[in-house]
């Protein structure tokens, strides 16, 4: 089997420029939850009101993990998750493109088959 053609540097530059435009990237889920606090005499918790908090849920080494997110970081993390979804879509698109480019290159390299005479 022949070695495949190296990655087109123009495609690579465009891909990397897209990543730079969509930075930061994250994969996971951001959820707003309402939880009681740890203060022993919290009036809001005594009334049954819970405090809003943000949780970032993600997978690490096959296990689901959660981290609390400071309120001021939530909008940036939400954007990073959207950017991560963009990145996943780009990766899903690149696989079939690589195969199609290989097929086009292979068909150009092959000499045309002679037609058999009846």
PDB file of N, CA and C in Angstrom:
ATOM      1  N   UNK A   1       0.848  -1.181   0.000  1.00  0.00           N
ATOM      2  CA  UNK A   1       0.000   0.000   0.000  1.00  0.00           C
ATOM      3  C   UNK A   1       0.886   1.233   0.000  1.00  0.00           C
ATOM      4  N   UNK A   2       0.570   2.186  -0.869  1.00  0.00           N
ATOM      5  CA  UNK A   2       1.353   3.403  -0.970  1.00  0.00           C
ATOM      6  C   UNK A   2       1.091   4.285   0.247  1.00  0.00           C
ATOM      7  N   UNK A   3       2.087   5.118   0.569  1.00  0.00           N
ATOM      8  CA  UNK A   3       1.894   6.093   1.640  1.00  0.00           C
ATOM      9  C   UNK A   3       0.906   7.152   1.179  1.00  0.00           C
ATOM     10  N   UNK A   4      -0.048   7.550   2.037  1.00  0.00           N
ATOM     11  CA  UNK A   4      -1.004   8.565   1.628  1.00  0.00           C
ATOM     12  C   UNK A   4      -0.318   9.914   1.455  1.00  0.00           C
ATOM     13  N   UNK A   5      -0.920  10.747   0.628  1.00  0.00           N
ATOM     14  CA  UNK A   5      -0.410  12.094   0.403  1.00  0.00           C
ATOM     15  C   UNK A   5      -0.450  12.868   1.721  1.00  0.00           C
ATOM     16  N   UNK A   6       0.576  13.678   2.000  1.00  0.00           N
ATOM     17  CA  UNK A   6       0.545  14.467   3.236  1.00  0.00           C
ATOM     18  C   UNK A   6      -0.655  15.403   3.246  1.00  0.00           C
ATOM     19  N   UNK A   7      -1.054  15.782   4.444  1.00  0.00           N
ATOM     20  CA  UNK A   7      -2.200  16.670   4.604  1.00  0.00           C
ATOM     21  C   UNK A   7      -1.925  17.974   3.862  1.00  0.00           C
ATOM     22  N   UNK A   8      -2.911  18.446   3.137  1.00  0.00           N
ATOM     23  CA  UNK A   8      -2.794  19.703   2.410  1.00  0.00           C
ATOM     24  C   UNK A   8      -2.578  20.823   3.423  1.00  0.00           C
ATOM     25  N   UNK A   9      -1.499  21.562   3.257  1.00  0.00           N
ATOM     26  CA  UNK A   9      -1.157  22.596   4.237  1.00  0.00           C
ATOM     27  C   UNK A   9      -2.204  23.709   4.260  1.00  0.00           C
ATOM     28  N   UNK A  10      -2.851  23.982   3.136  1.00  0.00           N
ATOM     29  CA  UNK A  10      -3.903  25.003   3.116  1.00  0.00           C
ATOM     30  C   UNK A  10      -5.083  24.569   3.983  1.00  0.00           C
ATOM     31  N   UNK A  11      -5.505  23.304   3.840  1.00  0.00           N
ATOM     32  CA  UNK A  11      -6.595  22.782   4.670  1.00  0.00           C
ATOM     33  C   UNK A  11      -6.225  22.824   6.140  1.00  0.00           C
ATOM     34  N   UNK A  12      -4.982  22.473   6.432  1.00  0.00           N
ATOM     35  CA  UNK A  12      -4.513  22.468   7.817  1.00  0.00           C
ATOM     36  C   UNK A  12      -4.542  23.881   8.391  1.00  0.00           C
ATOM     37  N   UNK A  13      -4.049  24.843   7.632  1.00  0.00           N
ATOM     38  CA  UNK A  13      -4.056  26.244   8.099  1.00  0.00           C
ATOM     39  C   UNK A  13      -5.479  26.737   8.332  1.00  0.00           C
ATOM     40  N   UNK A  14      -6.399  26.393   7.428  1.00  0.00           N
ATOM     41  CA  UNK A  14      -7.795  26.810   7.593  1.00  0.00           C
ATOM     42  C   UNK A  14      -8.408  26.186   8.837  1.00  0.00           C
ATOM     43  N   UNK A  15      -8.102  24.917   9.079  1.00  0.00           N
ATOM     44  CA  UNK A  15      -8.623  24.228  10.253  1.00  0.00           C
ATOM     45  C   UNK A  15      -8.104  24.879  11.530  1.00  0.00           C
ATOM     46  N   UNK A  16      -6.801  25.133  11.573  1.00  0.00           N
ATOM     47  CA  UNK A  16      -6.201  25.757  12.756  1.00  0.00           C
ATOM     48  C   UNK A  16      -6.714  27.178  12.959  1.00  0.00           C
ATOM     49  N   UNK A  17      -6.944  27.906  11.881  1.00  0.00           N
ATOM     50  CA  UNK A  17      -7.510  29.254  12.002  1.00  0.00           C
ATOM     51  C   UNK A  17      -8.927  29.179  12.569  1.00  0.00           C
ATOM     52  N   UNK A  18      -9.684  28.165  12.166  1.00  0.00           N
ATOM     53  CA  UNK A  18     -11.029  27.975  12.707  1.00  0.00           C
ATOM     54  C   UNK A  18     -11.003  27.686  14.196  1.00  0.00           C
ATOM     55  N   UNK A  19     -10.038  26.889  14.631  1.00  0.00           N
ATOM     56  CA  UNK A  19      -9.901  26.604  16.059  1.00  0.00           C
ATOM     57  C   UNK A  19      -9.574  27.886  16.809  1.00  0.00           C
ATOM     58  N   UNK A  20      -8.664  28.677  16.265  1.00  0.00           N
ATOM     59  CA  UNK A  20      -8.284  29.932  16.926  1.00  0.00           C
ATOM     60  C   UNK A  20      -9.492  30.860  17.061  1.00  0.00           C
ATOM     61  N   UNK A  21     -10.336  30.909  16.024  1.00  0.00           N
ATOM     62  CA  UNK A  21     -11.534  31.772  16.081  1.00  0.00           C
ATOM     63  C   UNK A  21     -12.549  31.266  17.095  1.00  0.00           C
ATOM     64  N   UNK A  22     -12.575  29.965  17.325  1.00  0.00           N
ATOM     65  CA  UNK A  22     -13.572  29.365  18.214  1.00  0.00           C
ATOM     66  C   UNK A  22     -13.010  29.032  19.594  1.00  0.00           C
ATOM     67  N   UNK A  23     -11.884  29.593  19.943  1.00  0.00           N
ATOM     68  CA  UNK A  23     -11.284  29.323  21.253  1.00  0.00           C
ATOM     69  C   UNK A  23     -12.029  30.102  22.313  1.00  0.00           C
ATOM     70  N   UNK A  24     -12.254  29.600  23.514  1.00  0.00           N
ATOM     71  CA  UNK A  24     -11.852  28.325  24.082  1.00  0.00           C
ATOM     72  C   UNK A  24     -12.821  27.216  23.695  1.00  0.00           C
ATOM     73  N   UNK A  25     -12.370  25.976  23.830  1.00  0.00           N
ATOM     74  CA  UNK A  25     -13.162  24.796  23.513  1.00  0.00           C
ATOM     75  C   UNK A  25     -13.388  23.970  24.772  1.00  0.00           C
ATOM     76  N   UNK A  26     -14.568  23.368  24.874  1.00  0.00           N
ATOM     77  CA  UNK A  26     -14.855  22.459  25.985  1.00  0.00           C
ATOM     78  C   UNK A  26     -15.866  21.428  25.501  1.00  0.00           C
ATOM     79  N   UNK A  27     -15.815  20.258  26.106  1.00  0.00           N
ATOM     80  CA  UNK A  27     -16.801  19.222  25.817  1.00  0.00           C
ATOM     81  C   UNK A  27     -17.437  18.830  27.140  1.00  0.00           C
ATOM     82  N   UNK A  28     -18.723  18.970  27.197  1.00  0.00           N
ATOM     83  CA  UNK A  28     -19.446  18.644  28.417  1.00  0.00           C
ATOM     84  C   UNK A  28     -20.796  19.340  28.412  1.00  0.00           C
ATOM     85  N   UNK A  29     -21.362  19.488  29.597  1.00  0.00           N
ATOM     86  CA  UNK A  29     -22.690  20.075  29.735  1.00  0.00           C
ATOM     87  C   UNK A  29     -22.681  21.020  30.937  1.00  0.00           C
ATOM     88  N   UNK A  30     -23.287  22.183  30.777  1.00  0.00           N
ATOM     89  CA  UNK A  30     -23.410  23.143  31.865  1.00  0.00           C
ATOM     90  C   UNK A  30     -24.875  23.190  32.285  1.00  0.00           C
ATOM     91  N   UNK A  31     -25.119  22.988  33.567  1.00  0.00           N
ATOM     92  CA  UNK A  31     -26.485  22.975  34.087  1.00  0.00           C
ATOM     93  C   UNK A  31     -26.593  23.916  35.273  1.00  0.00           C
ATOM     94  N   UNK A  32     -27.727  24.594  35.350  1.00  0.00           N
ATOM     95  CA  UNK A  32     -27.997  25.395  36.536  1.00  0.00           C
ATOM     96  C   UNK A  32     -28.869  24.555  37.467  1.00  0.00           C
ATOM     97  N   UNK A  33     -28.437  24.426  38.693  1.00  0.00           N
ATOM     98  CA  UNK A  33     -29.165  23.640  39.689  1.00  0.00           C
ATOM     99  C   UNK A  33     -29.460  24.549  40.882  1.00  0.00           C
ATOM    100  N   UNK A  34     -30.340  24.103  41.751  1.00  0.00           N
ATOM    101  CA  UNK A  34     -30.661  24.841  42.974  1.00  0.00           C
ATOM    102  C   UNK A  34     -30.425  23.909  44.140  1.00  0.00           C
ATOM    103  N   UNK A  35     -29.524  24.322  45.041  1.00  0.00           N
ATOM    104  CA  UNK A  35     -29.106  23.465  46.150  1.00  0.00           C
ATOM    105  C   UNK A  35     -29.139  24.260  47.452  1.00  0.00           C
ATOM    106  N   UNK A  36     -29.360  23.567  48.558  1.00  0.00           N
ATOM    107  CA  UNK A  36     -29.247  24.258  49.841  1.00  0.00           C
ATOM    108  C   UNK A  36     -27.775  24.578  50.123  1.00  0.00           C
ATOM    109  N   UNK A  37     -27.542  25.625  50.899  1.00  0.00           N
ATOM    110  CA  UNK A  37     -26.169  25.994  51.212  1.00  0.00           C
ATOM    111  C   UNK A  37     -25.714  25.308  52.504  1.00  0.00           C
ATOM    112  N   UNK A  38     -24.494  25.587  52.911  1.00  0.00           N
ATOM    113  CA  UNK A  38     -23.936  24.922  54.100  1.00  0.00           C
ATOM    114  C   UNK A  38     -24.070  25.773  55.363  1.00  0.00           C
ATOM    115  N   UNK A  39     -24.591  26.998  55.227  1.00  0.00           N
ATOM    116  CA  UNK A  39     -24.733  27.847  56.421  1.00  0.00           C
ATOM    117  C   UNK A  39     -25.844  27.291  57.310  1.00  0.00           C
ATOM    118  N   UNK A  40     -25.596  27.154  58.600  1.00  0.00           N
ATOM    119  CA  UNK A  40     -26.584  26.511  59.475  1.00  0.00           C
ATOM    120  C   UNK A  40     -27.880  27.313  59.653  1.00  0.00           C
ATOM    121  N   UNK A  41     -27.849  28.621  59.591  1.00  0.00           N
ATOM    122  CA  UNK A  41     -29.058  29.427  59.837  1.00  0.00           C
ATOM    123  C   UNK A  41     -29.425  30.286  58.632  1.00  0.00           C
ATOM    124  N   UNK A  42     -29.355  29.724  57.446  1.00  0.00           N
ATOM    125  CA  UNK A  42     -29.679  30.476  56.231  1.00  0.00           C
ATOM    126  C   UNK A  42     -31.194  30.642  56.145  1.00  0.00           C
ATOM    127  N   UNK A  43     -31.652  31.892  56.106  1.00  0.00           N
ATOM    128  CA  UNK A  43     -33.087  32.177  56.055  1.00  0.00           C
ATOM    129  C   UNK A  43     -33.715  31.638  54.768  1.00  0.00           C
ATOM    130  N   UNK A  44     -33.015  31.790  53.662  1.00  0.00           N
ATOM    131  CA  UNK A  44     -33.556  31.310  52.377  1.00  0.00           C
ATOM    132  C   UNK A  44     -33.744  29.795  52.409  1.00  0.00           C
ATOM    133  N   UNK A  45     -32.770  29.078  52.920  1.00  0.00           N
ATOM    134  CA  UNK A  45     -32.870  27.615  52.987  1.00  0.00           C
ATOM    135  C   UNK A  45     -33.969  27.200  53.975  1.00  0.00           C
ATOM    136  N   UNK A  46     -34.140  27.968  55.062  1.00  0.00           N
ATOM    137  CA  UNK A  46     -35.187  27.663  56.039  1.00  0.00           C
ATOM    138  C   UNK A  46     -36.575  27.811  55.406  1.00  0.00           C
ATOM    139  N   UNK A  47     -36.734  28.735  54.463  1.00  0.00           N
ATOM    140  CA  UNK A  47     -38.022  28.929  53.760  1.00  0.00           C
ATOM    141  C   UNK A  47     -38.208  27.898  52.641  1.00  0.00           C
ATOM    142  N   UNK A  48     -37.207  27.078  52.413  1.00  0.00           N
ATOM    143  CA  UNK A  48     -37.304  26.080  51.345  1.00  0.00           C
ATOM    144  C   UNK A  48     -36.754  26.567  50.024  1.00  0.00           C
ATOM    145  N   UNK A  49     -36.267  27.797  49.999  1.00  0.00           N
ATOM    146  CA  UNK A  49     -35.639  28.320  48.783  1.00  0.00           C
ATOM    147  C   UNK A  49     -34.212  27.798  48.730  1.00  0.00           C
ATOM    148  N   UNK A  50     -33.798  27.418  47.581  1.00  0.00           N
ATOM    149  CA  UNK A  50     -32.432  26.923  47.432  1.00  0.00           C
ATOM    150  C   UNK A  50     -31.629  27.920  46.608  1.00  0.00           C
ATOM    151  N   UNK A  51     -30.333  27.813  46.682  1.00  0.00           N
ATOM    152  CA  UNK A  51     -29.447  28.755  46.004  1.00  0.00           C
ATOM    153  C   UNK A  51     -29.051  28.217  44.629  1.00  0.00           C
ATOM    154  N   UNK A  52     -29.044  29.109  43.619  1.00  0.00           N
ATOM    155  CA  UNK A  52     -28.638  28.654  42.283  1.00  0.00           C
ATOM    156  C   UNK A  52     -27.136  28.380  42.242  1.00  0.00           C
ATOM    157  N   UNK A  53     -26.770  27.377  41.484  1.00  0.00           N
ATOM    158  CA  UNK A  53     -25.372  27.026  41.272  1.00  0.00           C
ATOM    159  C   UNK A  53     -25.250  26.421  39.879  1.00  0.00           C
ATOM    160  N   UNK A  54     -24.053  26.474  39.328  1.00  0.00           N
ATOM    161  CA  UNK A  54     -23.797  25.898  38.005  1.00  0.00           C
ATOM    162  C   UNK A  54     -22.903  24.681  38.161  1.00  0.00           C
ATOM    163  N   UNK A  55     -23.233  23.635  37.414  1.00  0.00           N
ATOM    164  CA  UNK A  55     -22.425  22.410  37.395  1.00  0.00           C
ATOM    165  C   UNK A  55     -21.977  22.126  35.960  1.00  0.00           C
ATOM    166  N   UNK A  56     -20.708  21.808  35.817  1.00  0.00           N
ATOM    167  CA  UNK A  56     -20.153  21.376  34.538  1.00  0.00           C
ATOM    168  C   UNK A  56     -19.982  19.866  34.628  1.00  0.00           C
ATOM    169  N   UNK A  57     -20.649  19.137  33.740  1.00  0.00           N
ATOM    170  CA  UNK A  57     -20.595  17.680  33.725  1.00  0.00           C
ATOM    171  C   UNK A  57     -19.805  17.244  32.498  1.00  0.00           C
ATOM    172  N   UNK A  58     -18.865  16.321  32.690  1.00  0.00           N
ATOM    173  CA  UNK A  58     -18.017  15.853  31.593  1.00  0.00           C
ATOM    174  C   UNK A  58     -17.575  14.424  31.884  1.00  0.00           C
ATOM    175  N   UNK A  59     -16.993  13.788  30.889  1.00  0.00           N
ATOM    176  CA  UNK A  59     -16.503  12.413  31.026  1.00  0.00           C
ATOM    177  C   UNK A  59     -14.989  12.443  31.089  1.00  0.00           C
ATOM    178  N   UNK A  60     -14.437  11.659  32.017  1.00  0.00           N
ATOM    179  CA  UNK A  60     -12.989  11.556  32.172  1.00  0.00           C
ATOM    180  C   UNK A  60     -12.642  10.099  32.447  1.00  0.00           C
ATOM    181  N   UNK A  61     -11.859   9.514  31.563  1.00  0.00           N
ATOM    182  CA  UNK A  61     -11.438   8.117  31.677  1.00  0.00           C
ATOM    183  C   UNK A  61     -12.631   7.179  31.896  1.00  0.00           C
ATOM    184  N   UNK A  62     -13.698   7.393  31.135  1.00  0.00           N
ATOM    185  CA  UNK A  62     -14.867   6.524  31.190  1.00  0.00           C
ATOM    186  C   UNK A  62     -15.807   6.782  32.359  1.00  0.00           C
ATOM    187  N   UNK A  63     -15.539   7.787  33.159  1.00  0.00           N
ATOM    188  CA  UNK A  63     -16.394   8.087  34.310  1.00  0.00           C
ATOM    189  C   UNK A  63     -16.936   9.500  34.186  1.00  0.00           C
ATOM    190  N   UNK A  64     -18.177   9.659  34.578  1.00  0.00           N
ATOM    191  CA  UNK A  64     -18.796  10.981  34.548  1.00  0.00           C
ATOM    192  C   UNK A  64     -18.354  11.775  35.770  1.00  0.00           C
ATOM    193  N   UNK A  65     -17.958  13.024  35.529  1.00  0.00           N
ATOM    194  CA  UNK A  65     -17.500  13.894  36.603  1.00  0.00           C
ATOM    195  C   UNK A  65     -18.296  15.188  36.576  1.00  0.00           C
ATOM    196  N   UNK A  66     -18.365  15.873  37.712  1.00  0.00           N
ATOM    197  CA  UNK A  66     -19.039  17.169  37.815  1.00  0.00           C
ATOM    198  C   UNK A  66     -18.156  18.132  38.589  1.00  0.00           C
ATOM    199  N   UNK A  67     -18.166  19.381  38.168  1.00  0.00           N
ATOM    200  CA  UNK A  67     -17.446  20.436  38.875  1.00  0.00           C
ATOM    201  C   UNK A  67     -18.375  21.630  39.051  1.00  0.00           C
ATOM    202  N   UNK A  68     -18.297  22.272  40.202  1.00  0.00           N
ATOM    203  CA  UNK A  68     -19.015  23.524  40.387  1.00  0.00           C
ATOM    204  C   UNK A  68     -18.330  24.607  39.565  1.00  0.00           C
ATOM    205  N   UNK A  69     -19.137  25.495  39.016  1.00  0.00           N
ATOM    206  CA  UNK A  69     -18.629  26.570  38.164  1.00  0.00           C
ATOM    207  C   UNK A  69     -19.008  27.899  38.808  1.00  0.00           C
ATOM    208  N   UNK A  70     -18.060  28.789  39.009  1.00  0.00           N
ATOM    209  CA  UNK A  70     -18.407  30.110  39.530  1.00  0.00           C
ATOM    210  C   UNK A  70     -19.358  30.824  38.566  1.00  0.00           C
ATOM    211  N   UNK A  71     -20.300  31.549  39.115  1.00  0.00           N
ATOM    212  CA  UNK A  71     -21.315  32.238  38.311  1.00  0.00           C
ATOM    213  C   UNK A  71     -20.691  33.101  37.217  1.00  0.00           C
ATOM    214  N   UNK A  72     -19.597  33.790  37.522  1.00  0.00           N
ATOM    215  CA  UNK A  72     -18.990  34.690  36.536  1.00  0.00           C
ATOM    216  C   UNK A  72     -18.316  33.930  35.389  1.00  0.00           C
ATOM    217  N   UNK A  73     -18.007  32.660  35.590  1.00  0.00           N
ATOM    218  CA  UNK A  73     -17.388  31.854  34.537  1.00  0.00           C
ATOM    219  C   UNK A  73     -18.423  31.156  33.652  1.00  0.00           C
ATOM    220  N   UNK A  74     -19.652  31.067  34.093  1.00  0.00           N
ATOM    221  CA  UNK A  74     -20.689  30.313  33.368  1.00  0.00           C
ATOM    222  C   UNK A  74     -20.879  30.781  31.918  1.00  0.00           C
ATOM    223  N   UNK A  75     -20.973  32.090  31.625  1.00  0.00           N
ATOM    224  CA  UNK A  75     -21.148  32.482  30.217  1.00  0.00           C
ATOM    225  C   UNK A  75     -19.970  32.074  29.331  1.00  0.00           C
ATOM    226  N   UNK A  76     -18.758  32.197  29.842  1.00  0.00           N
ATOM    227  CA  UNK A  76     -17.587  31.816  29.048  1.00  0.00           C
ATOM    228  C   UNK A  76     -17.557  30.309  28.827  1.00  0.00           C
ATOM    229  N   UNK A  77     -17.905  29.544  29.834  1.00  0.00           N
ATOM    230  CA  UNK A  77     -17.932  28.083  29.696  1.00  0.00           C
ATOM    231  C   UNK A  77     -19.039  27.658  28.738  1.00  0.00           C
ATOM    232  N   UNK A  78     -20.183  28.332  28.792  1.00  0.00           N
ATOM    233  CA  UNK A  78     -21.281  28.020  27.866  1.00  0.00           C
ATOM    234  C   UNK A  78     -20.811  28.214  26.422  1.00  0.00           C
ATOM    235  N   UNK A  79     -20.092  29.320  26.180  1.00  0.00           N
ATOM    236  CA  UNK A  79     -19.568  29.594  24.842  1.00  0.00           C
ATOM    237  C   UNK A  79     -18.531  28.532  24.445  1.00  0.00           C
ATOM    238  N   UNK A  80     -17.680  28.126  25.387  1.00  0.00           N
ATOM    239  CA  UNK A  80     -16.669  27.099  25.110  1.00  0.00           C
ATOM    240  C   UNK A  80     -17.328  25.775  24.727  1.00  0.00           C
ATOM    241  N   UNK A  81     -18.445  25.452  25.366  1.00  0.00           N
ATOM    242  CA  UNK A  81     -19.172  24.218  25.032  1.00  0.00           C
ATOM    243  C   UNK A  81     -19.749  24.320  23.622  1.00  0.00           C
ATOM    244  N   UNK A  82     -20.306  25.478  23.271  1.00  0.00           N
ATOM    245  CA  UNK A  82     -20.808  25.682  21.899  1.00  0.00           C
ATOM    246  C   UNK A  82     -19.661  25.531  20.897  1.00  0.00           C
ATOM    247  N   UNK A  83     -18.505  26.100  21.237  1.00  0.00           N
ATOM    248  CA  UNK A  83     -17.340  25.978  20.358  1.00  0.00           C
ATOM    249  C   UNK A  83     -16.887  24.526  20.249  1.00  0.00           C
ATOM    250  N   UNK A  84     -16.986  23.782  21.334  1.00  0.00           N
ATOM    251  CA  UNK A  84     -16.640  22.366  21.309  1.00  0.00           C
ATOM    252  C   UNK A  84     -17.567  21.579  20.390  1.00  0.00           C
ATOM    253  N   UNK A  85     -18.830  21.947  20.369  1.00  0.00           N
ATOM    254  CA  UNK A  85     -19.782  21.285  19.454  1.00  0.00           C
ATOM    255  C   UNK A  85     -19.442  21.605  18.010  1.00  0.00           C
ATOM    256  N   UNK A  86     -19.008  22.850  17.765  1.00  0.00           N
ATOM    257  CA  UNK A  86     -18.561  23.223  16.417  1.00  0.00           C
ATOM    258  C   UNK A  86     -17.389  22.329  16.010  1.00  0.00           C
ATOM    259  N   UNK A  87     -16.444  22.155  16.942  1.00  0.00           N
ATOM    260  CA  UNK A  87     -15.258  21.346  16.672  1.00  0.00           C
ATOM    261  C   UNK A  87     -15.630  19.898  16.368  1.00  0.00           C
ATOM    262  N   UNK A  88     -16.553  19.334  17.136  1.00  0.00           N
ATOM    263  CA  UNK A  88     -16.982  17.955  16.869  1.00  0.00           C
ATOM    264  C   UNK A  88     -17.594  17.834  15.478  1.00  0.00           C
ATOM    265  N   UNK A  89     -18.371  18.841  15.066  1.00  0.00           N
ATOM    266  CA  UNK A  89     -18.970  18.824  13.724  1.00  0.00           C
ATOM    267  C   UNK A  89     -17.879  18.874  12.655  1.00  0.00           C
ATOM    268  N   UNK A  90     -16.832  19.668  12.892  1.00  0.00           N
ATOM    269  CA  UNK A  90     -15.731  19.754  11.930  1.00  0.00           C
ATOM    270  C   UNK A  90     -15.003  18.418  11.822  1.00  0.00           C
ATOM    271  N   UNK A  91     -14.766  17.777  12.953  1.00  0.00           N
ATOM    272  CA  UNK A  91     -14.083  16.478  12.932  1.00  0.00           C
ATOM    273  C   UNK A  91     -14.926  15.428  12.221  1.00  0.00           C
ATOM    274  N   UNK A  92     -16.233  15.461  12.432  1.00  0.00           N
ATOM    275  CA  UNK A  92     -17.116  14.506  11.758  1.00  0.00           C
ATOM    276  C   UNK A  92     -17.106  14.734  10.249  1.00  0.00           C
ATOM    277  N   UNK A  93     -16.953  15.977   9.829  1.00  0.00           N
ATOM    278  CA  UNK A  93     -16.921  16.325   8.411  1.00  0.00           C
ATOM    279  C   UNK A  93     -15.591  15.923   7.771  1.00  0.00           C
ATOM    280  N   UNK A  94     -14.505  15.983   8.527  1.00  0.00           N
ATOM    281  CA  UNK A  94     -13.179  15.743   7.957  1.00  0.00           C
ATOM    282  C   UNK A  94     -12.924  14.289   7.574  1.00  0.00           C
ATOM    283  N   UNK A  95     -13.489  13.339   8.296  1.00  0.00           N
ATOM    284  CA  UNK A  95     -13.271  11.931   7.976  1.00  0.00           C
ATOM    285  C   UNK A  95     -13.721  11.574   6.568  1.00  0.00           C
ATOM    286  N   UNK A  96     -14.991  11.830   6.231  1.00  0.00           N
ATOM    287  CA  UNK A  96     -15.445  11.541   4.864  1.00  0.00           C
ATOM    288  C   UNK A  96     -14.681  12.342   3.802  1.00  0.00           C
ATOM    289  N   UNK A  97     -14.304  13.589   4.122  1.00  0.00           N
ATOM    290  CA  UNK A  97     -13.535  14.378   3.147  1.00  0.00           C
ATOM    291  C   UNK A  97     -12.185  13.740   2.859  1.00  0.00           C
ATOM    292  N   UNK A  98     -11.551  13.209   3.880  1.00  0.00           N
ATOM    293  CA  UNK A  98     -10.256  12.547   3.703  1.00  0.00           C
ATOM    294  C   UNK A  98     -10.390  11.335   2.782  1.00  0.00           C
ATOM    295  N   UNK A  99     -11.446  10.564   2.977  1.00  0.00           N
ATOM    296  CA  UNK A  99     -11.668   9.376   2.142  1.00  0.00           C
ATOM    297  C   UNK A  99     -11.946   9.778   0.701  1.00  0.00           C
ATOM    298  N   UNK A 100     -12.793  10.792   0.506  1.00  0.00           N
ATOM    299  CA  UNK A 100     -13.101  11.240  -0.855  1.00  0.00           C
ATOM    300  C   UNK A 100     -11.860  11.783  -1.560  1.00  0.00           C
ATOM    301  N   UNK A 101     -11.034  12.542  -0.852  1.00  0.00           N
ATOM    302  CA  UNK A 101      -9.806  13.068  -1.454  1.00  0.00           C
ATOM    303  C   UNK A 101      -8.881  11.919  -1.850  1.00  0.00           C
ATOM    304  N   UNK A 102      -8.795  10.907  -1.013  1.00  0.00           N
ATOM    305  CA  UNK A 102      -7.958   9.750  -1.337  1.00  0.00           C
ATOM    306  C   UNK A 102      -8.491   9.036  -2.581  1.00  0.00           C
ATOM    307  N   UNK A 103      -9.789   8.889  -2.667  1.00  0.00           N
ATOM    308  CA  UNK A 103     -10.375   8.214  -3.835  1.00  0.00           C
ATOM    309  C   UNK A 103     -10.113   8.997  -5.113  1.00  0.00           C
ATOM    310  N   UNK A 104     -10.233  10.335  -5.044  1.00  0.00           N
ATOM    311  CA  UNK A 104      -9.972  11.161  -6.230  1.00  0.00           C
ATOM    312  C   UNK A 104      -8.508  11.040  -6.651  1.00  0.00           C
ATOM    313  N   UNK A 105      -7.606  11.085  -5.671  1.00  0.00           N
ATOM    314  CA  UNK A 105      -6.177  10.979  -5.966  1.00  0.00           C
ATOM    315  C   UNK A 105      -5.856   9.616  -6.571  1.00  0.00           C
ATOM    316  N   UNK A 106      -6.444   8.572  -6.023  1.00  0.00           N
ATOM    317  CA  UNK A 106      -6.198   7.216  -6.514  1.00  0.00           C
ATOM    318  C   UNK A 106      -6.707   7.058  -7.946  1.00  0.00           C
ATOM    319  N   UNK A 107      -7.881   7.611  -8.248  1.00  0.00           N
ATOM    320  CA  UNK A 107      -8.430   7.456  -9.598  1.00  0.00           C
ATOM    321  C   UNK A 107      -7.618   8.248 -10.619  1.00  0.00           C
ATOM    322  N   UNK A 108      -7.008   9.368 -10.206  1.00  0.00           N
ATOM    323  CA  UNK A 108      -6.145  10.128 -11.126  1.00  0.00           C
ATOM    324  C   UNK A 108      -4.852   9.383 -11.396  1.00  0.00           C
ATOM    325  N   UNK A 109      -4.337   8.669 -10.420  1.00  0.00           N
ATOM    326  CA  UNK A 109      -3.058   7.979 -10.557  1.00  0.00           C
ATOM    327  C   UNK A 109      -3.174   6.713 -11.401  1.00  0.00           C
ATOM    328  N   UNK A 110      -4.347   6.114 -11.446  1.00  0.00           N
ATOM    329  CA  UNK A 110      -4.522   4.868 -12.212  1.00  0.00           C
ATOM    330  C   UNK A 110      -4.625   5.167 -13.703  1.00  0.00           C
ATOM    331  N   UNK A 111      -3.945   4.358 -14.507  1.00  0.00           N
ATOM    332  CA  UNK A 111      -4.136   4.510 -15.946  1.00  0.00           C
ATOM    333  C   UNK A 111      -5.516   3.987 -16.324  1.00  0.00           C
ATOM    334  N   UNK A 112      -6.124   4.535 -17.345  1.00  0.00           N
ATOM    335  CA  UNK A 112      -7.443   4.052 -17.737  1.00  0.00           C
ATOM    336  C   UNK A 112      -7.370   2.591 -18.173  1.00  0.00           C
ATOM    337  N   UNK A 113      -8.382   1.845 -17.829  1.00  0.00           N
ATOM    338  CA  UNK A 113      -8.437   0.421 -18.202  1.00  0.00           C
ATOM    339  C   UNK A 113      -8.756   0.302 -19.690  1.00  0.00           C
ATOM    340  N   UNK A 114      -8.033  -0.594 -20.364  1.00  0.00           N
ATOM    341  CA  UNK A 114      -8.375  -0.808 -21.773  1.00  0.00           C
ATOM    342  C   UNK A 114      -9.685  -1.567 -21.873  1.00  0.00           C
ATOM    343  N   UNK A 115     -10.461  -1.164 -22.827  1.00  0.00           N
ATOM    344  CA  UNK A 115     -11.743  -1.864 -23.025  1.00  0.00           C
ATOM    345  C   UNK A 115     -11.484  -3.139 -23.798  1.00  0.00           C
ATOM    346  N   UNK A 116     -12.192  -4.176 -23.389  1.00  0.00           N
ATOM    347  CA  UNK A 116     -12.012  -5.455 -24.089  1.00  0.00           C
ATOM    348  C   UNK A 116     -12.814  -5.415 -25.395  1.00  0.00           C
ATOM    349  N   UNK A 117     -12.211  -5.979 -26.424  1.00  0.00           N
ATOM    350  CA  UNK A 117     -12.860  -6.034 -27.721  1.00  0.00           C
ATOM    351  C   UNK A 117     -13.680  -7.313 -27.824  1.00  0.00           C
ATOM    352  N   UNK A 118     -14.954  -7.232 -28.245  1.00  0.00           N
ATOM    353  CA  UNK A 118     -15.750  -8.468 -28.371  1.00  0.00           C
ATOM    354  C   UNK A 118     -15.411  -9.287 -29.566  1.00  0.00           C
TER     355      UNK A 118
END
